Amino acid sequence: MANQLWSATVDRIGEFTAEMFEGGCYILFGEPLPDALADVSLVHKTRQAPSRPIRAGDTLELGGVTLTLDEVGELANLNLTDLGHIVVYVNSPEQALLPGAVKASGPSRPQPTVGSPIVISGD
């Protein structure tokens, strides 16, 4: 059984996130954050390290959809710990992996709402 490594709850959804979601891009950011980033982010309050570094093969639950992490950028764990921030590219295999991003795949693209849990789990 997988262990929960990190979790948060969506507290706010930026006004321009719907366009990002359509393109398979989800930006998670912990409070506090600049207003310009809040407009495109899923905002939460968690700023803590995962119980171990996240890695390919872990799962991400977002908006009721369970995704598999396929690739993890070299700065993703640091950004998640320090800022509560990662960029998640969903079902976008052609997307270049940026240092602070993860690439994930799953049955569909999530449609998170305020109150949606964000949970990263792994063995």
PDB file of N, CA and C in Angstrom:
ATOM      1  N   MET A   1       0.841  -1.192   0.000  1.00  0.00           N
ATOM      2  CA  MET A   1       0.000   0.000   0.000  1.00  0.00           C
ATOM      3  C   MET A   1       0.877   1.243   0.000  1.00  0.00           C
ATOM      4  N   ALA A   2       0.459   2.242  -0.735  1.00  0.00           N
ATOM      5  CA  ALA A   2       1.231   3.473  -0.857  1.00  0.00           C
ATOM      6  C   ALA A   2       1.095   4.325   0.403  1.00  0.00           C
ATOM      7  N   ASN A   3       2.160   5.031   0.723  1.00  0.00           N
ATOM      8  CA  ASN A   3       2.176   5.950   1.854  1.00  0.00           C
ATOM      9  C   ASN A   3       1.985   7.375   1.360  1.00  0.00           C
ATOM     10  N   GLN A   4       1.248   8.150   2.124  1.00  0.00           N
ATOM     11  CA  GLN A   4       1.099   9.564   1.786  1.00  0.00           C
ATOM     12  C   GLN A   4       2.419  10.274   2.056  1.00  0.00           C
ATOM     13  N   LEU A   5       2.943  10.963   1.041  1.00  0.00           N
ATOM     14  CA  LEU A   5       4.218  11.661   1.151  1.00  0.00           C
ATOM     15  C   LEU A   5       4.036  13.151   1.407  1.00  0.00           C
ATOM     16  N   TRP A   6       2.973  13.715   0.854  1.00  0.00           N
ATOM     17  CA  TRP A   6       2.728  15.155   0.945  1.00  0.00           C
ATOM     18  C   TRP A   6       1.263  15.398   0.632  1.00  0.00           C
ATOM     19  N   SER A   7       0.662  16.381   1.298  1.00  0.00           N
ATOM     20  CA  SER A   7      -0.734  16.681   0.989  1.00  0.00           C
ATOM     21  C   SER A   7      -1.040  18.149   1.253  1.00  0.00           C
ATOM     22  N   ALA A   8      -2.084  18.616   0.601  1.00  0.00           N
ATOM     23  CA  ALA A   8      -2.588  19.972   0.751  1.00  0.00           C
ATOM     24  C   ALA A   8      -4.047  19.960   0.327  1.00  0.00           C
ATOM     25  N   THR A   9      -4.696  21.084   0.522  1.00  0.00           N
ATOM     26  CA  THR A   9      -6.071  21.278   0.076  1.00  0.00           C
ATOM     27  C   THR A   9      -6.110  22.552  -0.756  1.00  0.00           C
ATOM     28  N   VAL A  10      -6.809  22.508  -1.877  1.00  0.00           N
ATOM     29  CA  VAL A  10      -6.942  23.699  -2.722  1.00  0.00           C
ATOM     30  C   VAL A  10      -7.788  24.723  -1.969  1.00  0.00           C
ATOM     31  N   ASP A  11      -7.181  25.886  -1.670  1.00  0.00           N
ATOM     32  CA  ASP A  11      -7.883  26.952  -0.965  1.00  0.00           C
ATOM     33  C   ASP A  11      -8.447  28.004  -1.919  1.00  0.00           C
ATOM     34  N   ARG A  12      -7.734  28.245  -3.010  1.00  0.00           N
ATOM     35  CA  ARG A  12      -8.160  29.229  -4.015  1.00  0.00           C
ATOM     36  C   ARG A  12      -7.737  28.722  -5.380  1.00  0.00           C
ATOM     37  N   ILE A  13      -8.485  29.135  -6.385  1.00  0.00           N
ATOM     38  CA  ILE A  13      -8.153  28.791  -7.760  1.00  0.00           C
ATOM     39  C   ILE A  13      -8.070  30.088  -8.545  1.00  0.00           C
ATOM     40  N   GLY A  14      -6.921  30.324  -9.161  1.00  0.00           N
ATOM     41  CA  GLY A  14      -6.727  31.553  -9.922  1.00  0.00           C
ATOM     42  C   GLY A  14      -7.689  31.681 -11.087  1.00  0.00           C
ATOM     43  N   GLU A  15      -7.982  32.934 -11.440  1.00  0.00           N
ATOM     44  CA  GLU A  15      -8.996  33.185 -12.464  1.00  0.00           C
ATOM     45  C   GLU A  15      -8.583  32.715 -13.861  1.00  0.00           C
ATOM     46  N   PHE A  16      -7.305  32.499 -14.110  1.00  0.00           N
ATOM     47  CA  PHE A  16      -6.863  32.075 -15.442  1.00  0.00           C
ATOM     48  C   PHE A  16      -6.441  30.600 -15.497  1.00  0.00           C
ATOM     49  N   THR A  17      -6.806  29.831 -14.480  1.00  0.00           N
ATOM     50  CA  THR A  17      -6.378  28.431 -14.444  1.00  0.00           C
ATOM     51  C   THR A  17      -7.105  27.557 -15.463  1.00  0.00           C
ATOM     52  N   ALA A  18      -8.340  27.866 -15.797  1.00  0.00           N
ATOM     53  CA  ALA A  18      -9.101  27.006 -16.720  1.00  0.00           C
ATOM     54  C   ALA A  18      -8.368  26.844 -18.047  1.00  0.00           C
ATOM     55  N   GLU A  19      -7.789  27.926 -18.544  1.00  0.00           N
ATOM     56  CA  GLU A  19      -7.028  27.838 -19.797  1.00  0.00           C
ATOM     57  C   GLU A  19      -5.787  26.966 -19.621  1.00  0.00           C
ATOM     58  N   MET A  20      -5.170  27.072 -18.461  1.00  0.00           N
ATOM     59  CA  MET A  20      -3.989  26.252 -18.175  1.00  0.00           C
ATOM     60  C   MET A  20      -4.388  24.767 -18.125  1.00  0.00           C
ATOM     61  N   PHE A  21      -5.505  24.476 -17.441  1.00  0.00           N
ATOM     62  CA  PHE A  21      -5.968  23.089 -17.320  1.00  0.00           C
ATOM     63  C   PHE A  21      -6.225  22.482 -18.696  1.00  0.00           C
ATOM     64  N   GLU A  22      -6.830  23.257 -19.604  1.00  0.00           N
ATOM     65  CA  GLU A  22      -7.111  22.758 -20.950  1.00  0.00           C
ATOM     66  C   GLU A  22      -5.834  22.320 -21.654  1.00  0.00           C
ATOM     67  N   GLY A  23      -4.731  23.011 -21.358  1.00  0.00           N
ATOM     68  CA  GLY A  23      -3.436  22.661 -21.937  1.00  0.00           C
ATOM     69  C   GLY A  23      -2.679  21.613 -21.139  1.00  0.00           C
ATOM     70  N   GLY A  24      -3.290  21.103 -20.073  1.00  0.00           N
ATOM     71  CA  GLY A  24      -2.653  20.067 -19.275  1.00  0.00           C
ATOM     72  C   GLY A  24      -1.628  20.593 -18.280  1.00  0.00           C
ATOM     73  N   CYS A  25      -1.707  21.880 -17.926  1.00  0.00           N
ATOM     74  CA  CYS A  25      -0.737  22.489 -17.018  1.00  0.00           C
ATOM     75  C   CYS A  25      -1.428  22.917 -15.720  1.00  0.00           C
ATOM     76  N   TYR A  26      -0.894  22.438 -14.605  1.00  0.00           N
ATOM     77  CA  TYR A  26      -1.431  22.732 -13.282  1.00  0.00           C
ATOM     78  C   TYR A  26      -0.295  23.295 -12.436  1.00  0.00           C
ATOM     79  N   ILE A  27      -0.476  24.499 -11.922  1.00  0.00           N
ATOM     80  CA  ILE A  27       0.552  25.138 -11.106  1.00  0.00           C
ATOM     81  C   ILE A  27       0.067  25.131  -9.664  1.00  0.00           C
ATOM     82  N   LEU A  28       0.817  24.458  -8.799  1.00  0.00           N
ATOM     83  CA  LEU A  28       0.511  24.442  -7.371  1.00  0.00           C
ATOM     84  C   LEU A  28       1.419  25.451  -6.696  1.00  0.00           C
ATOM     85  N   PHE A  29       0.848  26.258  -5.798  1.00  0.00           N
ATOM     86  CA  PHE A  29       1.661  27.252  -5.094  1.00  0.00           C
ATOM     87  C   PHE A  29       1.112  27.442  -3.693  1.00  0.00           C
ATOM     88  N   GLY A  30       2.017  27.439  -2.700  1.00  0.00           N
ATOM     89  CA  GLY A  30       1.638  27.669  -1.315  1.00  0.00           C
ATOM     90  C   GLY A  30       1.596  29.150  -0.984  1.00  0.00           C
ATOM     91  N   GLU A  31       0.744  29.494  -0.010  1.00  0.00           N
ATOM     92  CA  GLU A  31       0.673  30.867   0.495  1.00  0.00           C
ATOM     93  C   GLU A  31       1.954  31.191   1.249  1.00  0.00           C
ATOM     94  N   PRO A  32       2.401  32.424   1.280  1.00  0.00           N
ATOM     95  CA  PRO A  32       1.979  33.546   0.459  1.00  0.00           C
ATOM     96  C   PRO A  32       2.639  33.463  -0.918  1.00  0.00           C
ATOM     97  N   LEU A  33       2.015  34.105  -1.896  1.00  0.00           N
ATOM     98  CA  LEU A  33       2.556  34.130  -3.246  1.00  0.00           C
ATOM     99  C   LEU A  33       2.140  35.430  -3.904  1.00  0.00           C
ATOM    100  N   PRO A  34       2.895  35.866  -4.914  1.00  0.00           N
ATOM    101  CA  PRO A  34       2.543  37.107  -5.618  1.00  0.00           C
ATOM    102  C   PRO A  34       1.194  36.970  -6.326  1.00  0.00           C
ATOM    103  N   ASP A  35       0.448  38.089  -6.391  1.00  0.00           N
ATOM    104  CA  ASP A  35      -0.871  38.084  -7.032  1.00  0.00           C
ATOM    105  C   ASP A  35      -0.814  37.562  -8.462  1.00  0.00           C
ATOM    106  N   ALA A  36       0.232  37.925  -9.199  1.00  0.00           N
ATOM    107  CA  ALA A  36       0.335  37.490 -10.597  1.00  0.00           C
ATOM    108  C   ALA A  36       0.392  35.970 -10.693  1.00  0.00           C
ATOM    109  N   LEU A  37       1.055  35.316  -9.746  1.00  0.00           N
ATOM    110  CA  LEU A  37       1.111  33.851  -9.746  1.00  0.00           C
ATOM    111  C   LEU A  37      -0.190  33.249  -9.240  1.00  0.00           C
ATOM    112  N   ALA A  38      -0.858  33.932  -8.326  1.00  0.00           N
ATOM    113  CA  ALA A  38      -2.132  33.430  -7.805  1.00  0.00           C
ATOM    114  C   ALA A  38      -3.170  33.328  -8.916  1.00  0.00           C
ATOM    115  N   ASP A  39      -3.084  34.192  -9.912  1.00  0.00           N
ATOM    116  CA  ASP A  39      -4.051  34.184 -11.012  1.00  0.00           C
ATOM    117  C   ASP A  39      -3.998  32.911 -11.853  1.00  0.00           C
ATOM    118  N   VAL A  40      -2.868  32.212 -11.839  1.00  0.00           N
ATOM    119  CA  VAL A  40      -2.715  31.011 -12.659  1.00  0.00           C
ATOM    120  C   VAL A  40      -2.490  29.746 -11.829  1.00  0.00           C
ATOM    121  N   SER A  41      -2.671  29.863 -10.510  1.00  0.00           N
ATOM    122  CA  SER A  41      -2.297  28.760  -9.620  1.00  0.00           C
ATOM    123  C   SER A  41      -3.463  28.168  -8.848  1.00  0.00           C
ATOM    124  N   LEU A  42      -3.225  26.917  -8.427  1.00  0.00           N
ATOM    125  CA  LEU A  42      -4.034  26.274  -7.405  1.00  0.00           C
ATOM    126  C   LEU A  42      -3.316  26.609  -6.101  1.00  0.00           C
ATOM    127  N   VAL A  43      -3.937  27.441  -5.279  1.00  0.00           N
ATOM    128  CA  VAL A  43      -3.281  27.972  -4.088  1.00  0.00           C
ATOM    129  C   VAL A  43      -3.677  27.149  -2.864  1.00  0.00           C
ATOM    130  N   HIS A  44      -2.677  26.837  -2.050  1.00  0.00           N
ATOM    131  CA  HIS A  44      -2.873  26.042  -0.831  1.00  0.00           C
ATOM    132  C   HIS A  44      -1.993  26.621   0.270  1.00  0.00           C
ATOM    133  N   LYS A  45      -2.030  25.996   1.454  1.00  0.00           N
ATOM    134  CA  LYS A  45      -1.266  26.515   2.591  1.00  0.00           C
ATOM    135  C   LYS A  45      -0.116  25.607   3.038  1.00  0.00           C
ATOM    136  N   THR A  46       0.112  24.498   2.378  1.00  0.00           N
ATOM    137  CA  THR A  46       1.140  23.560   2.821  1.00  0.00           C
ATOM    138  C   THR A  46       2.519  23.992   2.347  1.00  0.00           C
ATOM    139  N   ARG A  47       3.417  24.160   3.299  1.00  0.00           N
ATOM    140  CA  ARG A  47       4.819  24.448   2.986  1.00  0.00           C
ATOM    141  C   ARG A  47       5.657  23.548   3.875  1.00  0.00           C
ATOM    142  N   GLN A  48       5.809  22.329   3.437  1.00  0.00           N
ATOM    143  CA  GLN A  48       6.628  21.374   4.177  1.00  0.00           C
ATOM    144  C   GLN A  48       7.217  20.383   3.198  1.00  0.00           C
ATOM    145  N   ALA A  49       8.262  19.758   3.634  1.00  0.00           N
ATOM    146  CA  ALA A  49       8.912  18.761   2.788  1.00  0.00           C
ATOM    147  C   ALA A  49       8.055  17.504   2.722  1.00  0.00           C
ATOM    148  N   PRO A  50       8.055  16.844   1.571  1.00  0.00           N
ATOM    149  CA  PRO A  50       7.441  15.512   1.533  1.00  0.00           C
ATOM    150  C   PRO A  50       8.215  14.600   2.493  1.00  0.00           C
ATOM    151  N   SER A  51       7.593  13.527   2.934  1.00  0.00           N
ATOM    152  CA  SER A  51       8.259  12.633   3.890  1.00  0.00           C
ATOM    153  C   SER A  51       9.486  11.949   3.281  1.00  0.00           C
ATOM    154  N   ARG A  52       9.563  11.916   1.975  1.00  0.00           N
ATOM    155  CA  ARG A  52      10.774  11.551   1.236  1.00  0.00           C
ATOM    156  C   ARG A  52      10.667  12.247  -0.104  1.00  0.00           C
ATOM    157  N   PRO A  53      11.760  12.429  -0.830  1.00  0.00           N
ATOM    158  CA  PRO A  53      11.655  13.095  -2.127  1.00  0.00           C
ATOM    159  C   PRO A  53      10.672  12.371  -3.056  1.00  0.00           C
ATOM    160  N   ILE A  54       9.872  13.158  -3.761  1.00  0.00           N
ATOM    161  CA  ILE A  54       8.972  12.547  -4.743  1.00  0.00           C
ATOM    162  C   ILE A  54       9.794  12.080  -5.934  1.00  0.00           C
ATOM    163  N   ARG A  55       9.293  11.038  -6.609  1.00  0.00           N
ATOM    164  CA  ARG A  55      10.043  10.473  -7.735  1.00  0.00           C
ATOM    165  C   ARG A  55       9.075   9.821  -8.723  1.00  0.00           C
ATOM    166  N   ALA A  56       9.617   9.524  -9.882  1.00  0.00           N
ATOM    167  CA  ALA A  56       8.825   8.836 -10.905  1.00  0.00           C
ATOM    168  C   ALA A  56       8.257   7.551 -10.309  1.00  0.00           C
ATOM    169  N   GLY A  57       7.001   7.274 -10.641  1.00  0.00           N
ATOM    170  CA  GLY A  57       6.316   6.098 -10.117  1.00  0.00           C
ATOM    171  C   GLY A  57       5.382   6.428  -8.962  1.00  0.00           C
ATOM    172  N   ASP A  58       5.588   7.565  -8.301  1.00  0.00           N
ATOM    173  CA  ASP A  58       4.670   8.001  -7.251  1.00  0.00           C
ATOM    174  C   ASP A  58       3.354   8.414  -7.903  1.00  0.00           C
ATOM    175  N   THR A  59       2.333   8.608  -7.089  1.00  0.00           N
ATOM    176  CA  THR A  59       1.041   9.038  -7.616  1.00  0.00           C
ATOM    177  C   THR A  59       0.676  10.410  -7.068  1.00  0.00           C
ATOM    178  N   LEU A  60      -0.122  11.119  -7.839  1.00  0.00           N
ATOM    179  CA  LEU A  60      -0.648  12.417  -7.462  1.00  0.00           C
ATOM    180  C   LEU A  60      -2.153  12.363  -7.624  1.00  0.00           C
ATOM    181  N   GLU A  61      -2.862  12.609  -6.540  1.00  0.00           N
ATOM    182  CA  GLU A  61      -4.322  12.719  -6.608  1.00  0.00           C
ATOM    183  C   GLU A  61      -4.659  14.195  -6.657  1.00  0.00           C
ATOM    184  N   LEU A  62      -5.394  14.586  -7.677  1.00  0.00           N
ATOM    185  CA  LEU A  62      -5.753  15.982  -7.876  1.00  0.00           C
ATOM    186  C   LEU A  62      -7.123  16.045  -8.526  1.00  0.00           C
ATOM    187  N   GLY A  63      -8.048  16.754  -7.918  1.00  0.00           N
ATOM    188  CA  GLY A  63      -9.379  16.891  -8.503  1.00  0.00           C
ATOM    189  C   GLY A  63     -10.077  15.570  -8.731  1.00  0.00           C
ATOM    190  N   GLY A  64      -9.835  14.602  -7.845  1.00  0.00           N
ATOM    191  CA  GLY A  64     -10.480  13.298  -7.951  1.00  0.00           C
ATOM    192  C   GLY A  64      -9.880  12.367  -8.976  1.00  0.00           C
ATOM    193  N   VAL A  65      -8.783  12.771  -9.609  1.00  0.00           N
ATOM    194  CA  VAL A  65      -8.108  11.940 -10.607  1.00  0.00           C
ATOM    195  C   VAL A  65      -6.751  11.508 -10.045  1.00  0.00           C
ATOM    196  N   THR A  66      -6.442  10.221 -10.168  1.00  0.00           N
ATOM    197  CA  THR A  66      -5.141   9.721  -9.735  1.00  0.00           C
ATOM    198  C   THR A  66      -4.219   9.627 -10.939  1.00  0.00           C
ATOM    199  N   LEU A  67      -3.105  10.320 -10.837  1.00  0.00           N
ATOM    200  CA  LEU A  67      -2.108  10.394 -11.897  1.00  0.00           C
ATOM    201  C   LEU A  67      -0.830   9.701 -11.445  1.00  0.00           C
ATOM    202  N   THR A  68      -0.067   9.189 -12.394  1.00  0.00           N
ATOM    203  CA  THR A  68       1.244   8.617 -12.114  1.00  0.00           C
ATOM    204  C   THR A  68       2.307   9.624 -12.512  1.00  0.00           C
ATOM    205  N   LEU A  69       3.245   9.885 -11.615  1.00  0.00           N
ATOM    206  CA  LEU A  69       4.360  10.770 -11.950  1.00  0.00           C
ATOM    207  C   LEU A  69       5.323  10.013 -12.849  1.00  0.00           C
ATOM    208  N   ASP A  70       5.539  10.541 -14.043  1.00  0.00           N
ATOM    209  CA  ASP A  70       6.409   9.898 -15.023  1.00  0.00           C
ATOM    210  C   ASP A  70       7.837  10.434 -14.959  1.00  0.00           C
ATOM    211  N   GLU A  71       7.966  11.729 -14.685  1.00  0.00           N
ATOM    212  CA  GLU A  71       9.277  12.366 -14.589  1.00  0.00           C
ATOM    213  C   GLU A  71       9.197  13.458 -13.524  1.00  0.00           C
ATOM    214  N   VAL A  72      10.314  13.665 -12.814  1.00  0.00           N
ATOM    215  CA  VAL A  72      10.384  14.684 -11.770  1.00  0.00           C
ATOM    216  C   VAL A  72      11.610  15.542 -12.031  1.00  0.00           C
ATOM    217  N   GLY A  73      11.402  16.836 -12.215  1.00  0.00           N
ATOM    218  CA  GLY A  73      12.498  17.764 -12.458  1.00  0.00           C
ATOM    219  C   GLY A  73      13.430  17.883 -11.266  1.00  0.00           C
ATOM    220  N   GLU A  74      14.654  18.277 -11.536  1.00  0.00           N
ATOM    221  CA  GLU A  74      15.693  18.297 -10.498  1.00  0.00           C
ATOM    222  C   GLU A  74      15.423  19.295  -9.373  1.00  0.00           C
ATOM    223  N   LEU A  75      14.591  20.306  -9.595  1.00  0.00           N
ATOM    224  CA  LEU A  75      14.271  21.282  -8.547  1.00  0.00           C
ATOM    225  C   LEU A  75      12.867  21.112  -7.967  1.00  0.00           C
ATOM    226  N   ALA A  76      12.126  20.131  -8.434  1.00  0.00           N
ATOM    227  CA  ALA A  76      10.733  19.967  -8.009  1.00  0.00           C
ATOM    228  C   ALA A  76      10.618  19.740  -6.503  1.00  0.00           C
ATOM    229  N   ASN A  77      11.453  18.900  -5.925  1.00  0.00           N
ATOM    230  CA  ASN A  77      11.372  18.630  -4.491  1.00  0.00           C
ATOM    231  C   ASN A  77      11.741  19.853  -3.666  1.00  0.00           C
ATOM    232  N   LEU A  78      12.766  20.575  -4.062  1.00  0.00           N
ATOM    233  CA  LEU A  78      13.174  21.792  -3.355  1.00  0.00           C
ATOM    234  C   LEU A  78      12.059  22.834  -3.412  1.00  0.00           C
ATOM    235  N   ASN A  79      11.493  23.055  -4.599  1.00  0.00           N
ATOM    236  CA  ASN A  79      10.415  24.035  -4.745  1.00  0.00           C
ATOM    237  C   ASN A  79       9.169  23.639  -3.957  1.00  0.00           C
ATOM    238  N   LEU A  80       8.852  22.346  -3.950  1.00  0.00           N
ATOM    239  CA  LEU A  80       7.695  21.876  -3.206  1.00  0.00           C
ATOM    240  C   LEU A  80       7.894  22.131  -1.712  1.00  0.00           C
ATOM    241  N   THR A  81       9.103  21.884  -1.224  1.00  0.00           N
ATOM    242  CA  THR A  81       9.409  22.095   0.187  1.00  0.00           C
ATOM    243  C   THR A  81       9.424  23.575   0.551  1.00  0.00           C
ATOM    244  N   ASP A  82      10.120  24.381  -0.228  1.00  0.00           N
ATOM    245  CA  ASP A  82      10.319  25.791   0.115  1.00  0.00           C
ATOM    246  C   ASP A  82       9.131  26.685  -0.201  1.00  0.00           C
ATOM    247  N   LEU A  83       8.420  26.393  -1.288  1.00  0.00           N
ATOM    248  CA  LEU A  83       7.369  27.286  -1.767  1.00  0.00           C
ATOM    249  C   LEU A  83       5.997  26.623  -1.880  1.00  0.00           C
ATOM    250  N   GLY A  84       5.943  25.309  -1.653  1.00  0.00           N
ATOM    251  CA  GLY A  84       4.698  24.594  -1.920  1.00  0.00           C
ATOM    252  C   GLY A  84       4.374  24.617  -3.397  1.00  0.00           C
ATOM    253  N   HIS A  85       5.429  24.691  -4.224  1.00  0.00           N
ATOM    254  CA  HIS A  85       5.254  24.954  -5.655  1.00  0.00           C
ATOM    255  C   HIS A  85       5.818  23.851  -6.536  1.00  0.00           C
ATOM    256  N   ILE A  86       4.986  23.363  -7.420  1.00  0.00           N
ATOM    257  CA  ILE A  86       5.437  22.554  -8.554  1.00  0.00           C
ATOM    258  C   ILE A  86       4.475  22.824  -9.709  1.00  0.00           C
ATOM    259  N   VAL A  87       4.988  22.617 -10.887  1.00  0.00           N
ATOM    260  CA  VAL A  87       4.162  22.670 -12.087  1.00  0.00           C
ATOM    261  C   VAL A  87       3.966  21.223 -12.519  1.00  0.00           C
ATOM    262  N   VAL A  88       2.726  20.849 -12.758  1.00  0.00           N
ATOM    263  CA  VAL A  88       2.395  19.493 -13.167  1.00  0.00           C
ATOM    264  C   VAL A  88       1.878  19.538 -14.600  1.00  0.00           C
ATOM    265  N   TYR A  89       2.562  18.826 -15.494  1.00  0.00           N
ATOM    266  CA  TYR A  89       2.098  18.681 -16.867  1.00  0.00           C
ATOM    267  C   TYR A  89       1.416  17.326 -16.975  1.00  0.00           C
ATOM    268  N   VAL A  90       0.122  17.329 -17.312  1.00  0.00           N
ATOM    269  CA  VAL A  90      -0.674  16.105 -17.334  1.00  0.00           C
ATOM    270  C   VAL A  90      -0.933  15.676 -18.773  1.00  0.00           C
ATOM    271  N   ASN A  91      -0.602  14.418 -19.039  1.00  0.00           N
ATOM    272  CA  ASN A  91      -0.818  13.819 -20.359  1.00  0.00           C
ATOM    273  C   ASN A  91      -0.244  14.709 -21.464  1.00  0.00           C
ATOM    274  N   SER A  92       0.952  15.204 -21.221  1.00  0.00           N
ATOM    275  CA  SER A  92       1.655  16.077 -22.167  1.00  0.00           C
ATOM    276  C   SER A  92       3.061  15.553 -22.406  1.00  0.00           C
ATOM    277  N   PRO A  93       3.189  14.363 -23.009  1.00  0.00           N
ATOM    278  CA  PRO A  93       4.516  13.758 -23.151  1.00  0.00           C
ATOM    279  C   PRO A  93       5.483  14.584 -23.988  1.00  0.00           C
ATOM    280  N   GLU A  94       4.970  15.445 -24.868  1.00  0.00           N
ATOM    281  CA  GLU A  94       5.844  16.259 -25.713  1.00  0.00           C
ATOM    282  C   GLU A  94       6.428  17.452 -24.967  1.00  0.00           C
ATOM    283  N   GLN A  95       5.851  17.778 -23.802  1.00  0.00           N
ATOM    284  CA  GLN A  95       6.317  18.921 -23.011  1.00  0.00           C
ATOM    285  C   GLN A  95       7.727  18.653 -22.482  1.00  0.00           C
ATOM    286  N   ALA A  96       8.621  19.603 -22.683  1.00  0.00           N
ATOM    287  CA  ALA A  96       9.965  19.483 -22.105  1.00  0.00           C
ATOM    288  C   ALA A  96       9.844  19.541 -20.587  1.00  0.00           C
ATOM    289  N   LEU A  97      10.633  18.742 -19.893  1.00  0.00           N
ATOM    290  CA  LEU A  97      10.618  18.732 -18.434  1.00  0.00           C
ATOM    291  C   LEU A  97      11.452  19.898 -17.924  1.00  0.00           C
ATOM    292  N   LEU A  98      10.798  20.844 -17.272  1.00  0.00           N
ATOM    293  CA  LEU A  98      11.485  21.971 -16.665  1.00  0.00           C
ATOM    294  C   LEU A  98      11.982  21.565 -15.285  1.00  0.00           C
ATOM    295  N   PRO A  99      13.025  22.213 -14.760  1.00  0.00           N
ATOM    296  CA  PRO A  99      13.614  21.782 -13.485  1.00  0.00           C
ATOM    297  C   PRO A  99      12.633  21.724 -12.319  1.00  0.00           C
ATOM    298  N   GLY A 100      11.657  22.628 -12.248  1.00  0.00           N
ATOM    299  CA  GLY A 100      10.719  22.641 -11.130  1.00  0.00           C
ATOM    300  C   GLY A 100       9.399  21.963 -11.414  1.00  0.00           C
ATOM    301  N   ALA A 101       9.353  21.168 -12.454  1.00  0.00           N
ATOM    302  CA  ALA A 101       8.095  20.556 -12.888  1.00  0.00           C
ATOM    303  C   ALA A 101       8.120  19.044 -12.744  1.00  0.00           C
ATOM    304  N   VAL A 102       6.925  18.473 -12.854  1.00  0.00           N
ATOM    305  CA  VAL A 102       6.762  17.024 -12.960  1.00  0.00           C
ATOM    306  C   VAL A 102       5.855  16.758 -14.151  1.00  0.00           C
ATOM    307  N   LYS A 103       6.052  15.625 -14.768  1.00  0.00           N
ATOM    308  CA  LYS A 103       5.166  15.165 -15.837  1.00  0.00           C
ATOM    309  C   LYS A 103       4.394  13.976 -15.288  1.00  0.00           C
ATOM    310  N   ALA A 104       3.088  13.990 -15.535  1.00  0.00           N
ATOM    311  CA  ALA A 104       2.223  12.944 -14.997  1.00  0.00           C
ATOM    312  C   ALA A 104       1.268  12.468 -16.085  1.00  0.00           C
ATOM    313  N   SER A 105       0.800  11.247 -15.918  1.00  0.00           N
ATOM    314  CA  SER A 105      -0.171  10.696 -16.864  1.00  0.00           C
ATOM    315  C   SER A 105      -1.288  10.014 -16.094  1.00  0.00           C
ATOM    316  N   GLY A 106      -2.446   9.980 -16.727  1.00  0.00           N
ATOM    317  CA  GLY A 106      -3.593   9.354 -16.088  1.00  0.00           C
ATOM    318  C   GLY A 106      -4.752   9.245 -17.041  1.00  0.00           C
ATOM    319  N   PRO A 107      -5.901   8.806 -16.517  1.00  0.00           N
ATOM    320  CA  PRO A 107      -7.056   8.542 -17.366  1.00  0.00           C
ATOM    321  C   PRO A 107      -7.699   9.803 -17.932  1.00  0.00           C
ATOM    322  N   SER A 108      -7.496  10.941 -17.265  1.00  0.00           N
ATOM    323  CA  SER A 108      -8.086  12.197 -17.726  1.00  0.00           C
ATOM    324  C   SER A 108      -7.354  13.355 -17.061  1.00  0.00           C
ATOM    325  N   ARG A 109      -7.650  14.558 -17.524  1.00  0.00           N
ATOM    326  CA  ARG A 109      -7.080  15.743 -16.885  1.00  0.00           C
ATOM    327  C   ARG A 109      -7.986  16.154 -15.728  1.00  0.00           C
ATOM    328  N   PRO A 110      -7.405  16.412 -14.570  1.00  0.00           N
ATOM    329  CA  PRO A 110      -8.201  16.794 -13.400  1.00  0.00           C
ATOM    330  C   PRO A 110      -8.915  18.125 -13.591  1.00  0.00           C
ATOM    331  N   GLN A 111      -9.999  18.287 -12.878  1.00  0.00           N
ATOM    332  CA  GLN A 111     -10.734  19.552 -12.807  1.00  0.00           C
ATOM    333  C   GLN A 111     -10.916  19.887 -11.322  1.00  0.00           C
ATOM    334  N   PRO A 112      -9.835  20.307 -10.655  1.00  0.00           N
ATOM    335  CA  PRO A 112      -9.919  20.565  -9.220  1.00  0.00           C
ATOM    336  C   PRO A 112     -10.820  21.758  -8.901  1.00  0.00           C
ATOM    337  N   THR A 113     -11.378  21.732  -7.702  1.00  0.00           N
ATOM    338  CA  THR A 113     -12.216  22.813  -7.198  1.00  0.00           C
ATOM    339  C   THR A 113     -11.703  23.194  -5.814  1.00  0.00           C
ATOM    340  N   VAL A 114     -12.176  24.317  -5.291  1.00  0.00           N
ATOM    341  CA  VAL A 114     -11.800  24.711  -3.935  1.00  0.00           C
ATOM    342  C   VAL A 114     -12.231  23.584  -2.989  1.00  0.00           C
ATOM    343  N   GLY A 115     -11.321  23.190  -2.123  1.00  0.00           N
ATOM    344  CA  GLY A 115     -11.575  22.079  -1.207  1.00  0.00           C
ATOM    345  C   GLY A 115     -11.044  20.747  -1.686  1.00  0.00           C
ATOM    346  N   SER A 116     -10.618  20.672  -2.965  1.00  0.00           N
ATOM    347  CA  SER A 116     -10.069  19.412  -3.493  1.00  0.00           C
ATOM    348  C   SER A 116      -8.765  19.073  -2.778  1.00  0.00           C
ATOM    349  N   PRO A 117      -8.593  17.810  -2.399  1.00  0.00           N
ATOM    350  CA  PRO A 117      -7.314  17.402  -1.829  1.00  0.00           C
ATOM    351  C   PRO A 117      -6.273  17.266  -2.929  1.00  0.00           C
ATOM    352  N   ILE A 118      -5.034  17.519  -2.545  1.00  0.00           N
ATOM    353  CA  ILE A 118      -3.872  17.269  -3.391  1.00  0.00           C
ATOM    354  C   ILE A 118      -3.009  16.317  -2.581  1.00  0.00           C
ATOM    355  N   VAL A 119      -2.804  15.100  -3.074  1.00  0.00           N
ATOM    356  CA  VAL A 119      -2.073  14.099  -2.300  1.00  0.00           C
ATOM    357  C   VAL A 119      -1.045  13.417  -3.193  1.00  0.00           C
ATOM    358  N   ILE A 120       0.199  13.425  -2.742  1.00  0.00           N
ATOM    359  CA  ILE A 120       1.265  12.686  -3.410  1.00  0.00           C
ATOM    360  C   ILE A 120       1.565  11.480  -2.548  1.00  0.00           C
ATOM    361  N   SER A 121       1.540  10.299  -3.151  1.00  0.00           N
ATOM    362  CA  SER A 121       1.775   9.045  -2.429  1.00  0.00           C
ATOM    363  C   SER A 121       2.812   8.206  -3.145  1.00  0.00           C
ATOM    364  N   GLY A 122       3.440   7.311  -2.401  1.00  0.00           N
ATOM    365  CA  GLY A 122       4.418   6.395  -2.976  1.00  0.00           C
ATOM    366  C   GLY A 122       4.783   5.322  -1.987  1.00  0.00           C
ATOM    367  N   ASP A 123       5.561   4.365  -2.445  1.00  0.00           N
ATOM    368  CA  ASP A 123       5.995   3.260  -1.589  1.00  0.00           C
ATOM    369  C   ASP A 123       7.109   3.661  -0.665  1.00  0.00           C
TER     370      ASP A 123
END
